[in-house]
PDB file of N, CA and C in Angstrom:
ATOM      1  N   MET A   1      13.571  25.182  17.795  1.00  0.00           N
ATOM      2  CA  MET A   1      14.972  25.043  17.423  1.00  0.00           C
ATOM      3  C   MET A   1      15.120  23.882  16.446  1.00  0.00           C
ATOM      4  N   ASN A   2      15.768  24.121  15.349  1.00  0.00           N
ATOM      5  CA  ASN A   2      15.980  23.113  14.317  1.00  0.00           C
ATOM      6  C   ASN A   2      17.439  22.702  14.314  1.00  0.00           C
ATOM      7  N   THR A   3      17.781  21.676  15.049  1.00  0.00           N
ATOM      8  CA  THR A   3      19.177  21.250  15.115  1.00  0.00           C
ATOM      9  C   THR A   3      19.510  20.351  13.943  1.00  0.00           C
ATOM     10  N   ILE A   4      20.737  20.459  13.475  1.00  0.00           N
ATOM     11  CA  ILE A   4      21.196  19.648  12.358  1.00  0.00           C
ATOM     12  C   ILE A   4      21.861  18.392  12.922  1.00  0.00           C
ATOM     13  N   THR A   5      21.455  17.246  12.397  1.00  0.00           N
ATOM     14  CA  THR A   5      22.030  15.982  12.847  1.00  0.00           C
ATOM     15  C   THR A   5      23.261  15.654  12.024  1.00  0.00           C
ATOM     16  N   ARG A   6      23.930  14.583  12.389  1.00  0.00           N
ATOM     17  CA  ARG A   6      25.144  14.180  11.674  1.00  0.00           C
ATOM     18  C   ARG A   6      24.886  13.909  10.197  1.00  0.00           C
ATOM     19  N   SER A   7      23.700  13.436   9.869  1.00  0.00           N
ATOM     20  CA  SER A   7      23.414  13.122   8.468  1.00  0.00           C
ATOM     21  C   SER A   7      23.130  14.378   7.646  1.00  0.00           C
ATOM     22  N   GLY A   8      23.074  15.548   8.296  1.00  0.00           N
ATOM     23  CA  GLY A   8      22.856  16.792   7.577  1.00  0.00           C
ATOM     24  C   GLY A   8      21.404  17.210   7.513  1.00  0.00           C
ATOM     25  N   SER A   9      20.499  16.393   8.033  1.00  0.00           N
ATOM     26  CA  SER A   9      19.090  16.766   8.015  1.00  0.00           C
ATOM     27  C   SER A   9      18.706  17.342   9.376  1.00  0.00           C
ATOM     28  N   THR A  10      17.719  18.199   9.358  1.00  0.00           N
ATOM     29  CA  THR A  10      17.265  18.789  10.608  1.00  0.00           C
ATOM     30  C   THR A  10      16.294  17.838  11.308  1.00  0.00           C
ATOM     31  N   THR A  11      16.038  18.106  12.551  1.00  0.00           N
ATOM     32  CA  THR A  11      15.074  17.318  13.307  1.00  0.00           C
ATOM     33  C   THR A  11      13.708  17.410  12.637  1.00  0.00           C
ATOM     34  N   PHE A  12      13.360  18.582  12.170  1.00  0.00           N
ATOM     35  CA  PHE A  12      12.088  18.772  11.473  1.00  0.00           C
ATOM     36  C   PHE A  12      12.011  17.897  10.231  1.00  0.00           C
ATOM     37  N   ASP A  13      13.101  17.821   9.474  1.00  0.00           N
ATOM     38  CA  ASP A  13      13.132  16.986   8.270  1.00  0.00           C
ATOM     39  C   ASP A  13      12.905  15.521   8.622  1.00  0.00           C
ATOM     40  N   ARG A  14      13.522  15.066   9.693  1.00  0.00           N
ATOM     41  CA  ARG A  14      13.379  13.668  10.106  1.00  0.00           C
ATOM     42  C   ARG A  14      11.956  13.383  10.566  1.00  0.00           C
ATOM     43  N   ILE A  15      11.350  14.306  11.296  1.00  0.00           N
ATOM     44  CA  ILE A  15       9.969  14.124  11.760  1.00  0.00           C
ATOM     45  C   ILE A  15       9.020  14.149  10.562  1.00  0.00           C
ATOM     46  N   SER A  16       9.251  15.071   9.636  1.00  0.00           N
ATOM     47  CA  SER A  16       8.415  15.143   8.430  1.00  0.00           C
ATOM     48  C   SER A  16       8.509  13.854   7.620  1.00  0.00           C
ATOM     49  N   ALA A  17       9.701  13.325   7.484  1.00  0.00           N
ATOM     50  CA  ALA A  17       9.898  12.077   6.742  1.00  0.00           C
ATOM     51  C   ALA A  17       9.191  10.921   7.436  1.00  0.00           C
ATOM     52  N   PHE A  18       9.219  10.906   8.758  1.00  0.00           N
ATOM     53  CA  PHE A  18       8.526   9.861   9.508  1.00  0.00           C
ATOM     54  C   PHE A  18       7.031   9.892   9.214  1.00  0.00           C
ATOM     55  N   PHE A  19       6.420  11.066   9.321  1.00  0.00           N
ATOM     56  CA  PHE A  19       4.982  11.173   9.087  1.00  0.00           C
ATOM     57  C   PHE A  19       4.623  10.932   7.619  1.00  0.00           C
ATOM     58  N   ALA A  20       5.497  11.295   6.709  1.00  0.00           N
ATOM     59  CA  ALA A  20       5.249  10.993   5.297  1.00  0.00           C
ATOM     60  C   ALA A  20       5.260   9.484   5.080  1.00  0.00           C
ATOM     61  N   GLY A  21       6.154   8.785   5.753  1.00  0.00           N
ATOM     62  CA  GLY A  21       6.202   7.324   5.670  1.00  0.00           C
ATOM     63  C   GLY A  21       4.949   6.683   6.233  1.00  0.00           C
ATOM     64  N   VAL A  22       4.475   7.205   7.360  1.00  0.00           N
ATOM     65  CA  VAL A  22       3.242   6.688   7.966  1.00  0.00           C
ATOM     66  C   VAL A  22       2.065   6.903   7.019  1.00  0.00           C
ATOM     67  N   ALA A  23       1.981   8.080   6.422  1.00  0.00           N
ATOM     68  CA  ALA A  23       0.892   8.379   5.478  1.00  0.00           C
ATOM     69  C   ALA A  23       0.963   7.461   4.263  1.00  0.00           C
ATOM     70  N   ASP A  24       2.167   7.210   3.755  1.00  0.00           N
ATOM     71  CA  ASP A  24       2.332   6.336   2.597  1.00  0.00           C
ATOM     72  C   ASP A  24       1.900   4.909   2.938  1.00  0.00           C
ATOM     73  N   LYS A  25       2.259   4.430   4.114  1.00  0.00           N
ATOM     74  CA  LYS A  25       1.849   3.081   4.531  1.00  0.00           C
ATOM     75  C   LYS A  25       0.334   2.987   4.638  1.00  0.00           C
ATOM     76  N   GLY A  26      -0.296   4.024   5.165  1.00  0.00           N
ATOM     77  CA  GLY A  26      -1.753   4.038   5.267  1.00  0.00           C
ATOM     78  C   GLY A  26      -2.421   4.046   3.904  1.00  0.00           C
ATOM     79  N   ARG A  27      -1.860   4.808   2.981  1.00  0.00           N
ATOM     80  CA  ARG A  27      -2.404   4.873   1.624  1.00  0.00           C
ATOM     81  C   ARG A  27      -2.282   3.520   0.932  1.00  0.00           C
ATOM     82  N   ARG A  28      -1.130   2.903   1.072  1.00  0.00           N
ATOM     83  CA  ARG A  28      -0.921   1.592   0.450  1.00  0.00           C
ATOM     84  C   ARG A  28      -1.838   0.532   1.051  1.00  0.00           C
ATOM     85  N   TYR A  29      -2.021   0.570   2.358  1.00  0.00           N
ATOM     86  CA  TYR A  29      -2.911  -0.393   3.004  1.00  0.00           C
ATOM     87  C   TYR A  29      -4.348  -0.201   2.523  1.00  0.00           C
ATOM     88  N   GLY A  30      -4.741   1.046   2.318  1.00  0.00           N
ATOM     89  CA  GLY A  30      -6.069   1.336   1.791  1.00  0.00           C
ATOM     90  C   GLY A  30      -6.254   0.755   0.394  1.00  0.00           C
ATOM     91  N   ILE A  31      -5.235   0.868  -0.442  1.00  0.00           N
ATOM     92  CA  ILE A  31      -5.286   0.288  -1.785  1.00  0.00           C
ATOM     93  C   ILE A  31      -5.410  -1.232  -1.696  1.00  0.00           C
ATOM     94  N   TYR A  32      -4.648  -1.825  -0.793  1.00  0.00           N
ATOM     95  CA  TYR A  32      -4.696  -3.280  -0.588  1.00  0.00           C
ATOM     96  C   TYR A  32      -6.101  -3.721  -0.189  1.00  0.00           C
ATOM     97  N   ARG A  33      -6.687  -3.055   0.822  1.00  0.00           N
ATOM     98  CA  ARG A  33      -8.016  -3.427   1.305  1.00  0.00           C
ATOM     99  C   ARG A  33      -9.089  -3.211   0.231  1.00  0.00           C
ATOM    100  N   GLN A  34      -9.008  -2.103  -0.499  1.00  0.00           N
ATOM    101  CA  GLN A  34      -9.985  -1.822  -1.546  1.00  0.00           C
ATOM    102  C   GLN A  34      -9.902  -2.866  -2.657  1.00  0.00           C
ATOM    103  N   THR A  35      -8.695  -3.235  -3.041  1.00  0.00           N
ATOM    104  CA  THR A  35      -8.519  -4.243  -4.079  1.00  0.00           C
ATOM    105  C   THR A  35      -9.085  -5.582  -3.623  1.00  0.00           C
ATOM    106  N   LEU A  36      -8.809  -5.946  -2.363  1.00  0.00           N
ATOM    107  CA  LEU A  36      -9.378  -7.183  -1.819  1.00  0.00           C
ATOM    108  C   LEU A  36     -10.903  -7.164  -1.889  1.00  0.00           C
ATOM    109  N   ARG A  37     -11.499  -6.071  -1.419  1.00  0.00           N
ATOM    110  CA  ARG A  37     -12.964  -5.962  -1.406  1.00  0.00           C
ATOM    111  C   ARG A  37     -13.551  -6.069  -2.805  1.00  0.00           C
ATOM    112  N   GLU A  38     -12.967  -5.344  -3.737  1.00  0.00           N
ATOM    113  CA  GLU A  38     -13.517  -5.317  -5.093  1.00  0.00           C
ATOM    114  C   GLU A  38     -13.386  -6.664  -5.790  1.00  0.00           C
ATOM    115  N   LEU A  39     -12.234  -7.302  -5.650  1.00  0.00           N
ATOM    116  CA  LEU A  39     -12.061  -8.601  -6.296  1.00  0.00           C
ATOM    117  C   LEU A  39     -12.898  -9.679  -5.615  1.00  0.00           C
ATOM    118  N   ASP A  40     -13.017  -9.599  -4.310  1.00  0.00           N
ATOM    119  CA  ASP A  40     -13.809 -10.588  -3.580  1.00  0.00           C
ATOM    120  C   ASP A  40     -15.294 -10.481  -3.936  1.00  0.00           C
ATOM    121  N   ALA A  41     -15.740  -9.308  -4.332  1.00  0.00           N
ATOM    122  CA  ALA A  41     -17.140  -9.101  -4.681  1.00  0.00           C
ATOM    123  C   ALA A  41     -17.484  -9.685  -6.059  1.00  0.00           C
ATOM    124  N   LEU A  42     -16.473  -9.968  -6.868  1.00  0.00           N
ATOM    125  CA  LEU A  42     -16.716 -10.517  -8.199  1.00  0.00           C
ATOM    126  C   LEU A  42     -17.102 -11.991  -8.122  1.00  0.00           C
ATOM    127  N   SER A  43     -17.869 -12.420  -9.092  1.00  0.00           N
ATOM    128  CA  SER A  43     -18.222 -13.840  -9.172  1.00  0.00           C
ATOM    129  C   SER A  43     -17.012 -14.623  -9.692  1.00  0.00           C
ATOM    130  N   ASP A  44     -17.067 -15.930  -9.518  1.00  0.00           N
ATOM    131  CA  ASP A  44     -15.986 -16.770 -10.038  1.00  0.00           C
ATOM    132  C   ASP A  44     -15.868 -16.626 -11.556  1.00  0.00           C
ATOM    133  N   ARG A  45     -16.997 -16.458 -12.217  1.00  0.00           N
ATOM    134  CA  ARG A  45     -16.981 -16.290 -13.671  1.00  0.00           C
ATOM    135  C   ARG A  45     -16.295 -14.976 -14.059  1.00  0.00           C
ATOM    136  N   ASP A  46     -16.604 -13.888 -13.333  1.00  0.00           N
ATOM    137  CA  ASP A  46     -15.951 -12.606 -13.610  1.00  0.00           C
ATOM    138  C   ASP A  46     -14.451 -12.690 -13.366  1.00  0.00           C
ATOM    139  N   LEU A  47     -14.061 -13.351 -12.281  1.00  0.00           N
ATOM    140  CA  LEU A  47     -12.632 -13.530 -12.000  1.00  0.00           C
ATOM    141  C   LEU A  47     -11.969 -14.326 -13.123  1.00  0.00           C
ATOM    142  N   ASN A  48     -12.659 -15.369 -13.575  1.00  0.00           N
ATOM    143  CA  ASN A  48     -12.122 -16.187 -14.656  1.00  0.00           C
ATOM    144  C   ASN A  48     -11.937 -15.357 -15.923  1.00  0.00           C
ATOM    145  N   ASP A  49     -12.864 -14.462 -16.199  1.00  0.00           N
ATOM    146  CA  ASP A  49     -12.740 -13.579 -17.360  1.00  0.00           C
ATOM    147  C   ASP A  49     -11.497 -12.696 -17.267  1.00  0.00           C
ATOM    148  N   LEU A  50     -11.099 -12.383 -16.046  1.00  0.00           N
ATOM    149  CA  LEU A  50      -9.892 -11.580 -15.821  1.00  0.00           C
ATOM    150  C   LEU A  50      -8.629 -12.432 -15.767  1.00  0.00           C
ATOM    151  N   GLY A  51      -8.805 -13.746 -15.867  1.00  0.00           N
ATOM    152  CA  GLY A  51      -7.661 -14.655 -15.802  1.00  0.00           C
ATOM    153  C   GLY A  51      -7.215 -14.921 -14.375  1.00  0.00           C
ATOM    154  N   LEU A  52      -8.142 -14.753 -13.428  1.00  0.00           N
ATOM    155  CA  LEU A  52      -7.810 -14.936 -12.017  1.00  0.00           C
ATOM    156  C   LEU A  52      -8.631 -16.057 -11.411  1.00  0.00           C
ATOM    157  N   HIS A  53      -8.091 -16.620 -10.361  1.00  0.00           N
ATOM    158  CA  HIS A  53      -8.800 -17.598  -9.547  1.00  0.00           C
ATOM    159  C   HIS A  53      -8.955 -16.963  -8.173  1.00  0.00           C
ATOM    160  N   ARG A  54      -9.987 -17.352  -7.458  1.00  0.00           N
ATOM    161  CA  ARG A  54     -10.258 -16.758  -6.145  1.00  0.00           C
ATOM    162  C   ARG A  54      -9.042 -16.841  -5.208  1.00  0.00           C
ATOM    163  N   ALA A  55      -8.265 -17.893  -5.321  1.00  0.00           N
ATOM    164  CA  ALA A  55      -7.083 -18.062  -4.465  1.00  0.00           C
ATOM    165  C   ALA A  55      -5.995 -17.035  -4.774  1.00  0.00           C
ATOM    166  N   MET A  56      -6.096 -16.349  -5.900  1.00  0.00           N
ATOM    167  CA  MET A  56      -5.081 -15.373  -6.305  1.00  0.00           C
ATOM    168  C   MET A  56      -5.382 -13.960  -5.823  1.00  0.00           C
ATOM    169  N   ILE A  57      -6.544 -13.745  -5.243  1.00  0.00           N
ATOM    170  CA  ILE A  57      -6.979 -12.392  -4.893  1.00  0.00           C
ATOM    171  C   ILE A  57      -5.992 -11.692  -3.962  1.00  0.00           C
ATOM    172  N   GLU A  58      -5.554 -12.353  -2.919  1.00  0.00           N
ATOM    173  CA  GLU A  58      -4.638 -11.704  -1.974  1.00  0.00           C
ATOM    174  C   GLU A  58      -3.323 -11.324  -2.648  1.00  0.00           C
ATOM    175  N   ASP A  59      -2.795 -12.218  -3.488  1.00  0.00           N
ATOM    176  CA  ASP A  59      -1.549 -11.906  -4.190  1.00  0.00           C
ATOM    177  C   ASP A  59      -1.710 -10.705  -5.118  1.00  0.00           C
ATOM    178  N   VAL A  60      -2.840 -10.626  -5.804  1.00  0.00           N
ATOM    179  CA  VAL A  60      -3.098  -9.502  -6.702  1.00  0.00           C
ATOM    180  C   VAL A  60      -3.200  -8.202  -5.901  1.00  0.00           C
ATOM    181  N   ALA A  61      -3.871  -8.254  -4.747  1.00  0.00           N
ATOM    182  CA  ALA A  61      -4.007  -7.069  -3.902  1.00  0.00           C
ATOM    183  C   ALA A  61      -2.649  -6.610  -3.374  1.00  0.00           C
ATOM    184  N   LEU A  62      -1.808  -7.554  -2.971  1.00  0.00           N
ATOM    185  CA  LEU A  62      -0.464  -7.200  -2.499  1.00  0.00           C
ATOM    186  C   LEU A  62       0.341  -6.556  -3.621  1.00  0.00           C
ATOM    187  N   GLN A  63       0.237  -7.115  -4.815  1.00  0.00           N
ATOM    188  CA  GLN A  63       0.946  -6.554  -5.961  1.00  0.00           C
ATOM    189  C   GLN A  63       0.471  -5.142  -6.271  1.00  0.00           C
ATOM    190  N   ALA A  64      -0.837  -4.939  -6.206  1.00  0.00           N
ATOM    191  CA  ALA A  64      -1.409  -3.621  -6.504  1.00  0.00           C
ATOM    192  C   ALA A  64      -0.929  -2.570  -5.513  1.00  0.00           C
ATOM    193  N   ALA A  65      -0.858  -2.939  -4.252  1.00  0.00           N
ATOM    194  CA  ALA A  65      -0.530  -1.961  -3.211  1.00  0.00           C
ATOM    195  C   ALA A  65       0.960  -1.810  -2.958  1.00  0.00           C
ATOM    196  N   TYR A  66       1.671  -2.919  -2.956  1.00  0.00           N
ATOM    197  CA  TYR A  66       3.064  -2.897  -2.521  1.00  0.00           C
ATOM    198  C   TYR A  66       4.057  -3.298  -3.600  1.00  0.00           C
ATOM    199  N   GLY A  67       3.555  -3.750  -4.742  1.00  0.00           N
ATOM    200  CA  GLY A  67       4.461  -4.179  -5.806  1.00  0.00           C
ATOM    201  C   GLY A  67       5.176  -5.465  -5.495  1.00  0.00           C
ATOM    202  N   LYS A  68       4.567  -6.282  -4.610  1.00  0.00           N
ATOM    203  CA  LYS A  68       5.211  -7.551  -4.220  1.00  0.00           C
ATOM    204  C   LYS A  68       4.617  -8.697  -4.969  1.00  0.00           C
TER     205      LYS A  68
END
């Protein structure tokens, strides 16, 4: 049974949106972790060539994944 809620969406729509949100969060977290790993593997000289310092790695990873 697909009941319509006050907002006009069905229960199925709300459940689908929930799982889509969970999948999106997982995808973004994966991008964050991959960016951290890849940048952390670079030498200080390679980071410097990119205009980065080791202390900036987490901020760059957050920006890549979440736009923050």
